[in-house]
Amino acid sequence: KPCFLYETDIKKYKKDRDFYFDIWELPFLVAQNSDELVKNILAFDDAVYQKKLDKLFSDVGLCDNGTACRQVVDFIKSL
């Protein structure tokens, strides 16, 4: 599912805590107000989003394939 970030207090948050990732390099479109959020939703391009998600998952080493629960059940049963 597409993810959109609604960050009305992004400057304060960055000043107080900062981010683990550069929020502007994540695949999620960032909006700082309602108008930007609407614009981001209307301009959403799934192909571009999926490509950016794949890069993020590769960069952070995510290897989720959607079968985690089944794998845990199978492992428990094997014990």
PDB file of N, CA and C in Angstrom:
ATOM      1  N   LYS A   1       0.840  -1.182   0.000  1.00  0.00           N
ATOM      2  CA  LYS A   1       0.000   0.000   0.000  1.00  0.00           C
ATOM      3  C   LYS A   1       0.887   1.248   0.000  1.00  0.00           C
ATOM      4  N   PRO A   2       0.492   2.238  -0.750  1.00  0.00           N
ATOM      5  CA  PRO A   2       1.280   3.483  -0.762  1.00  0.00           C
ATOM      6  C   PRO A   2       1.316   4.137   0.621  1.00  0.00           C
ATOM      7  N   CYS A   3       2.425   4.740   0.906  1.00  0.00           N
ATOM      8  CA  CYS A   3       2.599   5.446   2.171  1.00  0.00           C
ATOM      9  C   CYS A   3       2.935   6.903   1.869  1.00  0.00           C
ATOM     10  N   PHE A   4       2.214   7.792   2.501  1.00  0.00           N
ATOM     11  CA  PHE A   4       2.460   9.224   2.374  1.00  0.00           C
ATOM     12  C   PHE A   4       2.754   9.768   3.765  1.00  0.00           C
ATOM     13  N   LEU A   5       3.770  10.585   3.887  1.00  0.00           N
ATOM     14  CA  LEU A   5       4.125  11.170   5.178  1.00  0.00           C
ATOM     15  C   LEU A   5       3.532  12.564   5.280  1.00  0.00           C
ATOM     16  N   TYR A   6       2.808  12.787   6.370  1.00  0.00           N
ATOM     17  CA  TYR A   6       2.203  14.099   6.637  1.00  0.00           C
ATOM     18  C   TYR A   6       2.954  14.685   7.818  1.00  0.00           C
ATOM     19  N   GLU A   7       3.915  15.513   7.528  1.00  0.00           N
ATOM     20  CA  GLU A   7       4.875  16.010   8.516  1.00  0.00           C
ATOM     21  C   GLU A   7       4.741  17.519   8.713  1.00  0.00           C
ATOM     22  N   THR A   8       3.721  17.923   9.428  1.00  0.00           N
ATOM     23  CA  THR A   8       3.495  19.362   9.628  1.00  0.00           C
ATOM     24  C   THR A   8       4.543  19.995  10.540  1.00  0.00           C
ATOM     25  N   ASP A   9       5.219  19.172  11.336  1.00  0.00           N
ATOM     26  CA  ASP A   9       6.207  19.692  12.284  1.00  0.00           C
ATOM     27  C   ASP A   9       7.612  19.158  11.994  1.00  0.00           C
ATOM     28  N   ILE A  10       7.894  18.904  10.739  1.00  0.00           N
ATOM     29  CA  ILE A  10       9.145  18.242  10.372  1.00  0.00           C
ATOM     30  C   ILE A  10      10.388  19.023  10.803  1.00  0.00           C
ATOM     31  N   LYS A  11      10.361  20.325  10.701  1.00  0.00           N
ATOM     32  CA  LYS A  11      11.534  21.121  11.078  1.00  0.00           C
ATOM     33  C   LYS A  11      11.796  21.031  12.581  1.00  0.00           C
ATOM     34  N   LYS A  12      10.730  21.117  13.374  1.00  0.00           N
ATOM     35  CA  LYS A  12      10.872  21.001  14.830  1.00  0.00           C
ATOM     36  C   LYS A  12      11.326  19.590  15.211  1.00  0.00           C
ATOM     37  N   TYR A  13      10.732  18.593  14.596  1.00  0.00           N
ATOM     38  CA  TYR A  13      11.102  17.208  14.886  1.00  0.00           C
ATOM     39  C   TYR A  13      12.582  16.972  14.581  1.00  0.00           C
ATOM     40  N   LYS A  14      13.028  17.433  13.414  1.00  0.00           N
ATOM     41  CA  LYS A  14      14.434  17.250  13.029  1.00  0.00           C
ATOM     42  C   LYS A  14      15.355  17.958  14.016  1.00  0.00           C
ATOM     43  N   LYS A  15      14.961  19.133  14.434  1.00  0.00           N
ATOM     44  CA  LYS A  15      15.786  19.889  15.378  1.00  0.00           C
ATOM     45  C   LYS A  15      15.859  19.180  16.729  1.00  0.00           C
ATOM     46  N   ASP A  16      14.727  18.623  17.189  1.00  0.00           N
ATOM     47  CA  ASP A  16      14.663  17.968  18.494  1.00  0.00           C
ATOM     48  C   ASP A  16      15.302  16.579  18.503  1.00  0.00           C
ATOM     49  N   ARG A  17      15.104  15.801  17.422  1.00  0.00           N
ATOM     50  CA  ARG A  17      15.498  14.394  17.436  1.00  0.00           C
ATOM     51  C   ARG A  17      16.318  13.950  16.241  1.00  0.00           C
ATOM     52  N   ASP A  18      16.049  14.524  15.113  1.00  0.00           N
ATOM     53  CA  ASP A  18      16.598  14.123  13.825  1.00  0.00           C
ATOM     54  C   ASP A  18      16.000  12.780  13.412  1.00  0.00           C
ATOM     55  N   PHE A  19      16.441  12.263  12.283  1.00  0.00           N
ATOM     56  CA  PHE A  19      15.892  11.045  11.706  1.00  0.00           C
ATOM     57  C   PHE A  19      16.985   9.997  11.562  1.00  0.00           C
ATOM     58  N   TYR A  20      16.575   8.737  11.527  1.00  0.00           N
ATOM     59  CA  TYR A  20      17.515   7.642  11.288  1.00  0.00           C
ATOM     60  C   TYR A  20      17.917   7.638   9.813  1.00  0.00           C
ATOM     61  N   PHE A  21      16.951   7.924   8.949  1.00  0.00           N
ATOM     62  CA  PHE A  21      17.187   8.023   7.510  1.00  0.00           C
ATOM     63  C   PHE A  21      16.953   9.466   7.087  1.00  0.00           C
ATOM     64  N   ASP A  22      17.563   9.847   5.973  1.00  0.00           N
ATOM     65  CA  ASP A  22      17.238  11.149   5.392  1.00  0.00           C
ATOM     66  C   ASP A  22      15.826  11.034   4.840  1.00  0.00           C
ATOM     67  N   ILE A  23      14.894  11.679   5.493  1.00  0.00           N
ATOM     68  CA  ILE A  23      13.469  11.533   5.158  1.00  0.00           C
ATOM     69  C   ILE A  23      13.181  11.895   3.703  1.00  0.00           C
ATOM     70  N   TRP A  24      13.974  12.770   3.139  1.00  0.00           N
ATOM     71  CA  TRP A  24      13.753  13.203   1.754  1.00  0.00           C
ATOM     72  C   TRP A  24      14.245  12.172   0.747  1.00  0.00           C
ATOM     73  N   GLU A  25      15.027  11.194   1.197  1.00  0.00           N
ATOM     74  CA  GLU A  25      15.500  10.135   0.301  1.00  0.00           C
ATOM     75  C   GLU A  25      14.662   8.866   0.402  1.00  0.00           C
ATOM     76  N   LEU A  26      13.725   8.829   1.330  1.00  0.00           N
ATOM     77  CA  LEU A  26      12.835   7.674   1.447  1.00  0.00           C
ATOM     78  C   LEU A  26      11.853   7.672   0.273  1.00  0.00           C
ATOM     79  N   PRO A  27      11.266   6.522  -0.028  1.00  0.00           N
ATOM     80  CA  PRO A  27      10.339   6.454  -1.160  1.00  0.00           C
ATOM     81  C   PRO A  27       8.981   7.093  -0.879  1.00  0.00           C
ATOM     82  N   PHE A  28       8.759   7.516   0.347  1.00  0.00           N
ATOM     83  CA  PHE A  28       7.464   8.057   0.750  1.00  0.00           C
ATOM     84  C   PHE A  28       7.409   9.565   0.502  1.00  0.00           C
ATOM     85  N   LEU A  29       6.365   9.998  -0.166  1.00  0.00           N
ATOM     86  CA  LEU A  29       6.221  11.425  -0.447  1.00  0.00           C
ATOM     87  C   LEU A  29       5.897  12.169   0.838  1.00  0.00           C
ATOM     88  N   VAL A  30       6.574  13.285   1.052  1.00  0.00           N
ATOM     89  CA  VAL A  30       6.428  14.069   2.275  1.00  0.00           C
ATOM     90  C   VAL A  30       5.592  15.308   1.989  1.00  0.00           C
ATOM     91  N   ALA A  31       4.593  15.529   2.838  1.00  0.00           N
ATOM     92  CA  ALA A  31       3.767  16.738   2.748  1.00  0.00           C
ATOM     93  C   ALA A  31       3.850  17.464   4.083  1.00  0.00           C
ATOM     94  N   GLN A  32       3.975  18.775   4.018  1.00  0.00           N
ATOM     95  CA  GLN A  32       4.036  19.571   5.232  1.00  0.00           C
ATOM     96  C   GLN A  32       2.733  20.322   5.493  1.00  0.00           C
ATOM     97  N   ASN A  33       1.776  20.178   4.568  1.00  0.00           N
ATOM     98  CA  ASN A  33       0.453  20.774   4.771  1.00  0.00           C
ATOM     99  C   ASN A  33      -0.559  19.990   3.931  1.00  0.00           C
ATOM    100  N   SER A  34      -1.819  20.283   4.121  1.00  0.00           N
ATOM    101  CA  SER A  34      -2.889  19.540   3.446  1.00  0.00           C
ATOM    102  C   SER A  34      -2.825  19.666   1.927  1.00  0.00           C
ATOM    103  N   ASP A  35      -2.496  20.845   1.435  1.00  0.00           N
ATOM    104  CA  ASP A  35      -2.415  21.038  -0.013  1.00  0.00           C
ATOM    105  C   ASP A  35      -1.332  20.150  -0.628  1.00  0.00           C
ATOM    106  N   GLU A  36      -0.178  20.083   0.029  1.00  0.00           N
ATOM    107  CA  GLU A  36       0.899  19.225  -0.468  1.00  0.00           C
ATOM    108  C   GLU A  36       0.489  17.754  -0.420  1.00  0.00           C
ATOM    109  N   LEU A  37      -0.224  17.361   0.621  1.00  0.00           N
ATOM    110  CA  LEU A  37      -0.672  15.970   0.739  1.00  0.00           C
ATOM    111  C   LEU A  37      -1.595  15.599  -0.414  1.00  0.00           C
ATOM    112  N   VAL A  38      -2.560  16.458  -0.699  1.00  0.00           N
ATOM    113  CA  VAL A  38      -3.480  16.211  -1.816  1.00  0.00           C
ATOM    114  C   VAL A  38      -2.700  16.130  -3.122  1.00  0.00           C
ATOM    115  N   LYS A  39      -1.771  17.054  -3.322  1.00  0.00           N
ATOM    116  CA  LYS A  39      -0.958  17.061  -4.545  1.00  0.00           C
ATOM    117  C   LYS A  39      -0.167  15.762  -4.676  1.00  0.00           C
ATOM    118  N   ASN A  40       0.434  15.307  -3.580  1.00  0.00           N
ATOM    119  CA  ASN A  40       1.214  14.072  -3.600  1.00  0.00           C
ATOM    120  C   ASN A  40       0.344  12.854  -3.925  1.00  0.00           C
ATOM    121  N   ILE A  41      -0.841  12.813  -3.366  1.00  0.00           N
ATOM    122  CA  ILE A  41      -1.748  11.693  -3.626  1.00  0.00           C
ATOM    123  C   ILE A  41      -2.175  11.682  -5.083  1.00  0.00           C
ATOM    124  N   LEU A  42      -2.538  12.840  -5.597  1.00  0.00           N
ATOM    125  CA  LEU A  42      -3.000  12.918  -6.987  1.00  0.00           C
ATOM    126  C   LEU A  42      -1.887  12.637  -7.996  1.00  0.00           C
ATOM    127  N   ALA A  43      -0.656  12.951  -7.637  1.00  0.00           N
ATOM    128  CA  ALA A  43       0.472  12.756  -8.557  1.00  0.00           C
ATOM    129  C   ALA A  43       1.182  11.416  -8.340  1.00  0.00           C
ATOM    130  N   PHE A  44       0.634  10.574  -7.483  1.00  0.00           N
ATOM    131  CA  PHE A  44       1.284   9.311  -7.132  1.00  0.00           C
ATOM    132  C   PHE A  44       1.532   8.444  -8.367  1.00  0.00           C
ATOM    133  N   ASP A  45       2.756   7.927  -8.474  1.00  0.00           N
ATOM    134  CA  ASP A  45       3.150   7.048  -9.574  1.00  0.00           C
ATOM    135  C   ASP A  45       3.628   5.733  -8.965  1.00  0.00           C
ATOM    136  N   ASP A  46       2.818   4.689  -9.082  1.00  0.00           N
ATOM    137  CA  ASP A  46       3.120   3.408  -8.433  1.00  0.00           C
ATOM    138  C   ASP A  46       4.421   2.797  -8.943  1.00  0.00           C
ATOM    139  N   ALA A  47       4.718   2.912 -10.234  1.00  0.00           N
ATOM    140  CA  ALA A  47       5.943   2.326 -10.785  1.00  0.00           C
ATOM    141  C   ALA A  47       7.181   2.970 -10.157  1.00  0.00           C
ATOM    142  N   VAL A  48       7.178   4.280 -10.040  1.00  0.00           N
ATOM    143  CA  VAL A  48       8.298   4.999  -9.422  1.00  0.00           C
ATOM    144  C   VAL A  48       8.396   4.616  -7.952  1.00  0.00           C
ATOM    145  N   TYR A  49       7.255   4.554  -7.277  1.00  0.00           N
ATOM    146  CA  TYR A  49       7.201   4.200  -5.854  1.00  0.00           C
ATOM    147  C   TYR A  49       7.779   2.803  -5.621  1.00  0.00           C
ATOM    148  N   GLN A  50       7.371   1.827  -6.426  1.00  0.00           N
ATOM    149  CA  GLN A  50       7.863   0.454  -6.264  1.00  0.00           C
ATOM    150  C   GLN A  50       9.372   0.380  -6.480  1.00  0.00           C
ATOM    151  N   LYS A  51       9.872   1.111  -7.458  1.00  0.00           N
ATOM    152  CA  LYS A  51      11.314   1.131  -7.718  1.00  0.00           C
ATOM    153  C   LYS A  51      12.070   1.700  -6.513  1.00  0.00           C
ATOM    154  N   LYS A  52      11.549   2.778  -5.947  1.00  0.00           N
ATOM    155  CA  LYS A  52      12.192   3.389  -4.778  1.00  0.00           C
ATOM    156  C   LYS A  52      12.088   2.477  -3.558  1.00  0.00           C
ATOM    157  N   LEU A  53      10.950   1.782  -3.402  1.00  0.00           N
ATOM    158  CA  LEU A  53      10.797   0.829  -2.301  1.00  0.00           C
ATOM    159  C   LEU A  53      11.818  -0.295  -2.421  1.00  0.00           C
ATOM    160  N   ASP A  54      11.967  -0.831  -3.621  1.00  0.00           N
ATOM    161  CA  ASP A  54      12.937  -1.896  -3.837  1.00  0.00           C
ATOM    162  C   ASP A  54      14.345  -1.451  -3.457  1.00  0.00           C
ATOM    163  N   LYS A  55      14.700  -0.223  -3.823  1.00  0.00           N
ATOM    164  CA  LYS A  55      16.028   0.295  -3.473  1.00  0.00           C
ATOM    165  C   LYS A  55      16.175   0.414  -1.957  1.00  0.00           C
ATOM    166  N   LEU A  56      15.153   0.946  -1.284  1.00  0.00           N
ATOM    167  CA  LEU A  56      15.203   1.067   0.177  1.00  0.00           C
ATOM    168  C   LEU A  56      15.353  -0.306   0.819  1.00  0.00           C
ATOM    169  N   PHE A  57      14.539  -1.262   0.393  1.00  0.00           N
ATOM    170  CA  PHE A  57      14.592  -2.603   0.979  1.00  0.00           C
ATOM    171  C   PHE A  57      15.962  -3.232   0.759  1.00  0.00           C
ATOM    172  N   SER A  58      16.533  -3.017  -0.401  1.00  0.00           N
ATOM    173  CA  SER A  58      17.870  -3.545  -0.694  1.00  0.00           C
ATOM    174  C   SER A  58      18.912  -2.861   0.184  1.00  0.00           C
ATOM    175  N   ASP A  59      18.819  -1.555   0.317  1.00  0.00           N
ATOM    176  CA  ASP A  59      19.797  -0.788   1.105  1.00  0.00           C
ATOM    177  C   ASP A  59      19.783  -1.185   2.581  1.00  0.00           C
ATOM    178  N   VAL A  60      18.595  -1.469   3.133  1.00  0.00           N
ATOM    179  CA  VAL A  60      18.494  -1.793   4.566  1.00  0.00           C
ATOM    180  C   VAL A  60      18.524  -3.293   4.822  1.00  0.00           C
ATOM    181  N   GLY A  61      18.552  -4.089   3.765  1.00  0.00           N
ATOM    182  CA  GLY A  61      18.651  -5.529   3.922  1.00  0.00           C
ATOM    183  C   GLY A  61      17.339  -6.216   4.257  1.00  0.00           C
ATOM    184  N   LEU A  62      16.225  -5.621   3.881  1.00  0.00           N
ATOM    185  CA  LEU A  62      14.923  -6.227   4.140  1.00  0.00           C
ATOM    186  C   LEU A  62      14.723  -7.408   3.202  1.00  0.00           C
ATOM    187  N   CYS A  63      14.335  -8.527   3.756  1.00  0.00           N
ATOM    188  CA  CYS A  63      14.132  -9.713   2.916  1.00  0.00           C
ATOM    189  C   CYS A  63      12.754 -10.323   3.168  1.00  0.00           C
ATOM    190  N   ASP A  64      11.796  -9.526   3.558  1.00  0.00           N
ATOM    191  CA  ASP A  64      10.435  -9.988   3.795  1.00  0.00           C
ATOM    192  C   ASP A  64       9.790 -10.368   2.470  1.00  0.00           C
ATOM    193  N   ASN A  65       9.206 -11.556   2.439  1.00  0.00           N
ATOM    194  CA  ASN A  65       8.542 -11.986   1.219  1.00  0.00           C
ATOM    195  C   ASN A  65       7.055 -12.224   1.418  1.00  0.00           C
ATOM    196  N   GLY A  66       6.534 -11.793   2.583  1.00  0.00           N
ATOM    197  CA  GLY A  66       5.105 -11.918   2.840  1.00  0.00           C
ATOM    198  C   GLY A  66       4.696 -13.248   3.449  1.00  0.00           C
ATOM    199  N   THR A  67       5.662 -14.078   3.806  1.00  0.00           N
ATOM    200  CA  THR A  67       5.325 -15.393   4.357  1.00  0.00           C
ATOM    201  C   THR A  67       5.887 -15.600   5.762  1.00  0.00           C
ATOM    202  N   ALA A  68       6.159 -14.543   6.485  1.00  0.00           N
ATOM    203  CA  ALA A  68       6.801 -14.650   7.796  1.00  0.00           C
ATOM    204  C   ALA A  68       5.991 -15.506   8.770  1.00  0.00           C
ATOM    205  N   CYS A  69       4.680 -15.308   8.831  1.00  0.00           N
ATOM    206  CA  CYS A  69       3.855 -16.090   9.764  1.00  0.00           C
ATOM    207  C   CYS A  69       3.921 -17.576   9.427  1.00  0.00           C
ATOM    208  N   ARG A  70       3.821 -17.898   8.145  1.00  0.00           N
ATOM    209  CA  ARG A  70       3.884 -19.303   7.719  1.00  0.00           C
ATOM    210  C   ARG A  70       5.232 -19.911   8.083  1.00  0.00           C
ATOM    211  N   GLN A  71       6.313 -19.161   7.918  1.00  0.00           N
ATOM    212  CA  GLN A  71       7.632 -19.660   8.247  1.00  0.00           C
ATOM    213  C   GLN A  71       7.768 -19.929   9.736  1.00  0.00           C
ATOM    214  N   VAL A  72       7.219 -19.062  10.575  1.00  0.00           N
ATOM    215  CA  VAL A  72       7.272 -19.256  12.029  1.00  0.00           C
ATOM    216  C   VAL A  72       6.469 -20.499  12.422  1.00  0.00           C
ATOM    217  N   VAL A  73       5.277 -20.643  11.874  1.00  0.00           N
ATOM    218  CA  VAL A  73       4.441 -21.818  12.177  1.00  0.00           C
ATOM    219  C   VAL A  73       5.171 -23.094  11.759  1.00  0.00           C
ATOM    220  N   ASP A  74       5.714 -23.091  10.569  1.00  0.00           N
ATOM    221  CA  ASP A  74       6.441 -24.282  10.085  1.00  0.00           C
ATOM    222  C   ASP A  74       7.620 -24.600  10.975  1.00  0.00           C
ATOM    223  N   PHE A  75       8.336 -23.589  11.421  1.00  0.00           N
ATOM    224  CA  PHE A  75       9.483 -23.802  12.309  1.00  0.00           C
ATOM    225  C   PHE A  75       9.028 -24.396  13.631  1.00  0.00           C
ATOM    226  N   ILE A  76       7.974 -23.843  14.216  1.00  0.00           N
ATOM    227  CA  ILE A  76       7.462 -24.359  15.495  1.00  0.00           C
ATOM    228  C   ILE A  76       6.994 -25.802  15.342  1.00  0.00           C
ATOM    229  N   LYS A  77       6.305 -26.088  14.284  1.00  0.00           N
ATOM    230  CA  LYS A  77       5.843 -27.467  14.045  1.00  0.00           C
ATOM    231  C   LYS A  77       7.018 -28.430  13.891  1.00  0.00           C
ATOM    232  N   SER A  78       8.117 -27.941  13.317  1.00  0.00           N
ATOM    233  CA  SER A  78       9.272 -28.810  13.118  1.00  0.00           C
ATOM    234  C   SER A  78       9.970 -29.163  14.424  1.00  0.00           C
ATOM    235  N   LEU A  79       9.715 -28.385  15.465  1.00  0.00           N
ATOM    236  CA  LEU A  79      10.327 -28.660  16.771  1.00  0.00           C
ATOM    237  C   LEU A  79       9.599 -29.789  17.445  1.00  0.00           C
TER     238      LEU A  79
END
